[in-house]
């Protein structure tokens, strides 16, 4: 079964802890977005992706969510549910 793809918006202490916990299970494919690249660089080493994103830009947010969540499900024939937190 494929891992559930999950987007976390915000890489502060809580976002970092959630990303660590979920990615460690192996059940989730996690990406953390934050507008501050310095925050992304300070995240604890983990098995999840980190990318800068200004969530105040609706077009950038929609594109990031589509690329992470919808596109793989469409291109890989994956019918697993997706989650956004």
Protein backbone atom coordinates (compact mmCIF):
# COMPACT_ATOMS: atom_id res chain seq x y z
CA UNK A 1 0.00 0.00 0.00
CA UNK A 2 1.29 3.45 -0.91
CA UNK A 3 2.04 6.00 1.79
CA UNK A 4 -0.52 8.75 2.35
CA UNK A 5 0.85 12.01 1.00
CA UNK A 6 0.59 14.80 3.58
CA UNK A 7 1.34 18.53 3.42
CA UNK A 8 2.27 20.49 6.54
CA UNK A 9 2.11 24.26 6.27
CA UNK A 10 4.57 25.70 8.76
CA UNK A 11 7.86 24.32 9.93
CA UNK A 12 7.94 25.68 13.45
CA UNK A 13 8.39 23.50 16.51
CA UNK A 14 4.96 21.87 16.16
CA UNK A 15 5.25 21.35 12.40
CA UNK A 16 8.71 19.84 12.86
CA UNK A 17 7.47 17.46 15.58
CA UNK A 18 4.46 16.38 13.50
CA UNK A 19 6.61 15.81 10.40
CA UNK A 20 9.09 13.74 12.42
CA UNK A 21 6.39 11.60 14.03
CA UNK A 22 4.41 10.94 10.87
CA UNK A 23 7.35 10.32 8.56
CA UNK A 24 8.91 7.93 11.09
CA UNK A 25 5.88 5.63 10.85
CA UNK A 26 6.53 4.96 7.17
CA UNK A 27 2.81 5.41 6.54
CA UNK A 28 3.11 9.01 5.37
CA UNK A 29 5.00 10.79 2.63
CA UNK A 30 5.39 14.24 4.23
CA UNK A 31 6.38 17.63 2.86
CA UNK A 32 6.81 20.72 5.04
CA UNK A 33 6.28 24.16 3.52
CA UNK A 34 7.27 27.43 5.19
CA UNK A 35 7.77 30.92 3.82
CA UNK A 36 11.03 31.27 5.78
CA UNK A 37 13.84 29.22 4.26
CA UNK A 38 15.78 29.63 7.50
CA UNK A 39 13.03 27.75 9.32
CA UNK A 40 13.25 24.94 6.78
CA UNK A 41 17.01 24.74 7.23
CA UNK A 42 16.62 24.44 11.02
CA UNK A 43 14.19 21.51 10.86
CA UNK A 44 15.49 18.34 12.43
CA UNK A 45 16.95 15.80 10.04
CA UNK A 46 14.12 13.65 8.78
CA UNK A 47 12.86 11.63 5.90
CA UNK A 48 10.49 14.32 4.71
CA UNK A 49 10.82 17.02 2.08
CA UNK A 50 11.12 20.73 2.79
CA UNK A 51 10.18 23.50 0.38
CA UNK A 52 9.73 27.25 0.66
CA UNK A 53 6.19 28.52 0.03
CA UNK A 54 4.38 31.76 0.73
CA UNK A 55 0.93 30.53 1.76
CA UNK A 56 -0.32 34.10 1.37
CA UNK A 57 -0.04 33.64 -2.40
CA UNK A 58 -3.16 31.65 -3.38
CA UNK A 59 -1.76 30.64 -6.78
CA UNK A 60 1.50 29.36 -5.30
CA UNK A 61 -0.37 27.47 -2.58
CA UNK A 62 -2.75 25.85 -5.09
CA UNK A 63 0.15 24.83 -7.33
CA UNK A 64 2.13 23.36 -4.43
CA UNK A 65 -0.85 21.36 -3.18
CA UNK A 66 -1.65 20.11 -6.67
CA UNK A 67 1.92 19.04 -7.37
CA UNK A 68 2.27 17.18 -4.07
CA UNK A 69 -1.18 15.66 -3.72
CA UNK A 70 -3.12 15.40 -6.95
CA UNK A 71 -0.52 14.84 -9.64
CA UNK A 72 1.02 11.63 -8.23
CA UNK A 73 -2.43 10.17 -7.62
CA UNK A 74 -3.38 10.87 -11.23
CA UNK A 75 -0.14 9.79 -12.86
CA UNK A 76 0.56 6.68 -10.78
CA UNK A 77 -2.98 5.32 -10.75
CA UNK A 78 -2.88 5.69 -6.97
CA UNK A 79 -6.36 5.73 -5.45
CA UNK A 80 -5.14 6.20 -1.88
CA UNK A 81 -6.68 9.10 0.06
CA UNK A 82 -4.73 12.30 0.47
CA UNK A 83 -4.62 14.52 3.55
CA UNK A 84 -3.88 18.19 4.07
CA UNK A 85 -3.15 19.53 7.54
